[in-house]
Amino acid sequence: MKKKDFIKMMDEEDEDWEPGRDAIDAEFSRIYPNQEPIINEIPIANRKEFGGSNYLDEFDIYRSKKDYNHIVTLGMSQLEADPNYFGKEYSKWGYEMTFKINNNDYLWALDILSSLASFTNIKKRKFTIHDIIPFGGKSLNPNIDSKITALIVIKDTDVKTINTYFGKVDFLQLYGITEKELTILENNPEKITEFINLVKKDNPDFITDMNRTKSYLEEDYNE
């Protein structure tokens, strides 16, 4: 499609048309057919474009048959119809973030996702697969004492890269890791693939369990 054809399509569509959002919804509908997600919308006044501090539009939460919540951000990629973004290689930052949580206590994860979106937009530093994200040695969920204190970025285990009018959108999944795992991986990045393979044997969906105490990398990282 050429840009002029896209502009013509915009004129024919409703003024609230969001083709980027539609493409994301279609991919998640493939995974979760006939399921309406729980929508946690960022209030208009809190969004950056309206003077707030949140760079996201909303979070959609899907419930897997495997008994976990699958969270996806909306706002890291281009959602609204805008000819200025048409035909790019990647849609805005080129990805949305996801998180799989094994229970319904997931509001802390939304706060983390908002913080990471702010970091990317302010620092102009996008996340990529195998990035390690520390959180100062504190539990990711501030309401509980947990050994899960950091994150690793992987490709979402279910969601495929999609093509939109504005370019590609990848889905980067965050997985919670322990402080011990963080230290080892920071000092030995060549162990990341080994770590991911070890987790995958027990947890192929990479569901974050804040009650996990097992460390998948036990050896002394100085050795």
Protein backbone atom coordinates (compact mmCIF):
# COMPACT_ATOMS: atom_id res chain seq x y z
CA MET A 1 0.00 0.00 0.00
CA LYS A 2 1.18 3.50 -0.81
CA LYS A 3 0.97 6.39 1.61
CA LYS A 4 -1.68 8.16 -0.47
CA ASP A 5 -3.85 5.03 -0.30
CA PHE A 6 -3.41 4.90 3.47
CA ILE A 7 -4.48 8.54 3.77
CA LYS A 8 -7.54 7.77 1.65
CA MET A 9 -8.34 4.84 3.94
CA MET A 10 -8.02 7.15 6.95
CA ASP A 11 -10.60 9.45 5.40
CA GLU A 12 -12.99 6.52 4.99
CA GLU A 13 -12.51 5.14 8.49
CA ASP A 14 -13.89 6.41 11.79
CA GLU A 15 -11.82 9.26 13.24
CA ASP A 16 -10.93 7.03 16.21
CA TRP A 17 -9.44 4.32 13.98
CA GLU A 18 -6.36 2.74 15.58
CA PRO A 19 -4.88 0.26 13.09
CA GLY A 20 -1.84 -0.40 15.28
CA ARG A 21 -4.04 -1.46 18.16
CA ASP A 22 -6.19 -3.55 15.82
CA ALA A 23 -3.11 -5.49 14.67
CA ILE A 24 -2.08 -6.21 18.28
CA ASP A 25 -5.62 -7.26 19.19
CA ALA A 26 -5.70 -9.61 16.21
CA GLU A 27 -2.50 -11.37 17.27
CA PHE A 28 -3.71 -11.84 20.85
CA SER A 29 -7.07 -13.04 19.56
CA ARG A 30 -5.16 -15.76 17.73
CA ILE A 31 -3.72 -16.94 21.06
CA TYR A 32 -6.83 -16.26 23.16
CA PRO A 33 -9.79 -16.78 20.80
CA ASN A 34 -13.16 -15.45 21.93
CA GLN A 35 -11.63 -13.83 25.01
CA GLU A 36 -12.11 -10.19 25.94
CA PRO A 37 -9.10 -8.97 27.92
CA ILE A 38 -9.25 -7.04 31.16
CA ILE A 39 -8.36 -3.52 30.08
CA ASN A 40 -6.42 -1.33 32.48
CA GLU A 41 -6.55 2.03 30.73
CA ILE A 42 -4.24 4.88 31.65
CA PRO A 43 -6.42 7.94 32.44
CA ILE A 44 -6.13 10.59 29.74
CA ALA A 45 -4.79 13.16 32.20
CA ASN A 46 -1.96 10.80 33.20
CA ARG A 47 -0.71 10.23 29.65
CA LYS A 48 2.37 12.10 28.55
CA GLU A 49 0.73 13.54 25.43
CA PHE A 50 -1.83 15.26 27.67
CA GLY A 51 0.64 16.57 30.24
CA GLY A 52 0.93 13.47 32.44
CA SER A 53 3.93 11.25 33.07
CA ASN A 54 2.82 7.86 31.68
CA TYR A 55 3.98 7.01 28.17
CA LEU A 56 1.55 4.10 27.74
CA ASP A 57 -2.12 4.10 26.72
CA GLU A 58 -3.23 0.94 28.49
CA PHE A 59 -2.51 -2.61 29.57
CA ASP A 60 -4.50 -5.58 28.31
CA ILE A 61 -4.57 -8.67 30.53
CA TYR A 62 -5.49 -12.07 29.09
CA ARG A 63 -6.12 -15.21 31.12
CA SER A 64 -4.32 -18.29 29.87
CA LYS A 65 -5.81 -21.77 30.09
CA LYS A 66 -2.52 -22.61 31.80
CA ASP A 67 -3.67 -20.50 34.77
CA TYR A 68 -1.61 -17.34 34.45
CA ASN A 69 -2.22 -13.74 33.43
CA HIS A 70 -0.60 -12.55 30.21
CA ILE A 71 -0.12 -8.78 30.27
CA VAL A 72 0.69 -6.67 27.21
CA THR A 73 1.42 -2.94 27.02
CA LEU A 74 -0.10 -0.67 24.40
CA GLY A 75 1.79 2.48 23.53
CA MET A 76 5.39 1.53 22.80
CA SER A 77 4.36 1.08 19.16
CA GLN A 78 2.21 3.40 17.04
CA LEU A 79 -1.47 2.73 17.66
CA GLU A 80 -3.39 5.62 16.09
CA ALA A 81 -3.76 6.26 12.38
CA ASP A 82 -1.05 8.80 11.50
CA PRO A 83 0.45 9.17 8.02
CA ASN A 84 3.69 10.50 9.54
CA TYR A 85 4.42 6.98 10.86
CA PHE A 86 3.31 5.11 7.75
CA GLY A 87 5.73 2.72 6.05
CA LYS A 88 8.51 2.66 8.65
CA GLU A 89 10.63 -0.43 9.22
CA TYR A 90 9.57 -0.56 12.88
CA SER A 91 6.50 0.90 14.51
CA LYS A 92 7.74 3.66 16.86
CA TRP A 93 9.98 1.82 19.36
CA GLY A 94 9.28 -1.40 17.48
CA TYR A 95 7.93 -3.46 20.34
CA GLU A 96 5.41 -3.86 23.12
CA MET A 97 6.28 -5.44 26.47
CA THR A 98 4.62 -8.50 27.98
CA PHE A 99 4.64 -10.15 31.39
CA LYS A 100 3.26 -13.49 32.54
CA ILE A 101 2.20 -13.59 36.19
CA ASN A 102 1.02 -16.75 37.95
CA ASN A 103 -1.67 -15.09 40.07
CA ASN A 104 -4.04 -12.12 40.13
CA ASP A 105 -1.66 -9.93 42.13
CA TYR A 106 -0.19 -8.15 39.13
CA LEU A 107 -0.66 -4.40 39.69
CA TRP A 108 3.00 -4.12 40.70
CA ALA A 109 3.92 -5.47 37.26
CA LEU A 110 1.93 -2.67 35.61
CA ASP A 111 3.93 -0.14 37.62
CA ILE A 112 7.17 -1.73 36.43
CA LEU A 113 6.05 -1.70 32.81
CA SER A 114 5.12 1.97 33.10
CA SER A 115 8.54 2.73 34.57
CA LEU A 116 10.32 0.88 31.77
CA ALA A 117 8.25 2.73 29.16
CA SER A 118 9.23 6.03 30.78
CA PHE A 119 12.89 4.99 30.85
CA THR A 120 12.87 4.19 27.15
CA ASN A 121 11.12 7.39 26.14
CA ILE A 122 13.18 9.69 28.37
CA LYS A 123 16.58 8.06 27.90
CA LYS A 124 15.89 7.06 24.28
CA ARG A 125 17.14 3.60 25.17
CA LYS A 126 15.05 0.70 23.87
CA PHE A 127 15.20 -2.76 25.39
CA THR A 128 16.37 -5.78 23.46
CA ILE A 129 16.33 -9.54 23.96
CA HIS A 130 18.69 -10.74 26.75
CA ASP A 131 18.86 -7.34 28.44
CA ILE A 132 19.20 -7.65 32.22
CA ILE A 133 17.29 -5.08 34.29
CA PRO A 134 18.23 -4.70 38.00
CA PHE A 135 15.97 -3.09 40.60
CA GLY A 136 18.41 -2.34 43.40
CA GLY A 137 18.16 -5.72 45.12
CA LYS A 138 14.56 -5.18 46.20
CA SER A 139 11.57 -7.41 45.56
CA LEU A 140 9.87 -6.54 42.27
CA ASN A 141 6.59 -6.59 44.17
CA PRO A 142 7.07 -4.07 47.00
CA ASN A 143 4.22 -5.64 48.98
CA ILE A 144 5.94 -8.98 49.55
CA ASP A 145 9.37 -10.25 50.53
CA SER A 146 10.68 -12.09 47.48
CA LYS A 147 13.98 -13.26 46.05
CA ILE A 148 12.84 -12.09 42.62
CA THR A 149 14.62 -8.74 42.33
CA ALA A 150 15.44 -8.23 38.63
CA LEU A 151 14.28 -8.97 35.10
CA ILE A 152 15.61 -10.54 31.96
CA VAL A 153 14.15 -9.75 28.53
CA ILE A 154 13.24 -12.60 26.19
CA LYS A 155 11.09 -12.95 23.10
CA ASP A 156 7.50 -13.65 24.11
CA THR A 157 7.02 -17.41 24.02
CA ASP A 158 3.58 -17.17 22.37
CA VAL A 159 3.20 -13.90 20.50
CA LYS A 160 4.63 -13.54 17.01
CA THR A 161 6.17 -10.42 15.50
CA ILE A 162 3.47 -8.57 13.60
CA ASN A 163 3.53 -6.25 10.60
CA THR A 164 1.47 -3.06 10.76
CA TYR A 165 0.98 -0.05 8.52
CA PHE A 166 3.63 1.61 10.68
CA GLY A 167 6.21 -1.19 10.63
CA LYS A 168 7.07 -4.30 12.61
CA VAL A 169 6.15 -4.82 16.26
CA ASP A 170 8.01 -7.38 18.38
CA PHE A 171 6.78 -8.55 21.78
CA LEU A 172 9.42 -8.55 24.49
CA GLN A 173 8.57 -10.66 27.52
CA LEU A 174 9.95 -9.84 30.96
CA TYR A 175 10.87 -12.67 33.30
CA GLY A 176 11.68 -12.22 36.98
CA ILE A 177 15.07 -13.45 38.22
CA THR A 178 16.78 -13.70 41.59
CA GLU A 179 19.58 -11.45 42.81
CA LYS A 180 21.98 -14.39 42.61
CA GLU A 181 21.02 -15.03 39.00
CA LEU A 182 21.36 -11.33 38.26
CA THR A 183 24.89 -11.16 39.65
CA ILE A 184 26.04 -14.24 37.78
CA LEU A 185 24.53 -13.11 34.49
CA GLU A 186 25.91 -9.59 34.80
CA ASN A 187 29.39 -10.96 35.37
CA ASN A 188 29.05 -13.81 32.89
CA PRO A 189 26.74 -12.74 30.05
CA GLU A 190 27.79 -15.83 28.10
CA LYS A 191 25.67 -17.82 30.60
CA ILE A 192 22.42 -16.18 29.48
CA THR A 193 21.60 -18.88 26.92
CA GLU A 194 22.38 -21.60 29.48
CA PHE A 195 20.13 -19.88 32.02
CA ILE A 196 17.25 -19.55 29.57
CA ASN A 197 17.51 -23.22 28.60
CA LEU A 198 17.50 -24.28 32.26
CA VAL A 199 14.39 -22.23 33.04
CA LYS A 200 12.67 -23.48 29.89
CA LYS A 201 12.84 -27.10 31.09
CA ASP A 202 10.76 -26.26 34.17
CA ASN A 203 8.84 -23.27 32.91
CA PRO A 204 8.52 -23.17 29.10
CA ASP A 205 6.13 -20.20 29.26
CA PHE A 206 8.52 -18.19 31.48
CA ILE A 207 5.83 -17.34 34.01
CA THR A 208 7.16 -15.11 36.78
CA ASP A 209 6.54 -16.62 40.21
CA MET A 210 7.34 -14.18 43.01
CA ASN A 211 7.48 -17.12 45.45
CA ARG A 212 10.31 -18.80 43.55
CA THR A 213 13.36 -19.40 45.73
CA LYS A 214 15.22 -21.80 43.46
CA SER A 215 18.17 -20.29 41.61
CA TYR A 216 19.01 -21.77 38.21
CA LEU A 217 22.62 -20.61 38.45
CA GLU A 218 24.16 -21.74 41.70
CA GLU A 219 27.89 -21.70 40.95
CA ASP A 220 30.20 -19.01 42.24
CA TYR A 221 30.29 -16.35 39.52
CA ASN A 222 33.93 -15.58 40.39
CA GLU A 223 35.10 -19.04 39.44
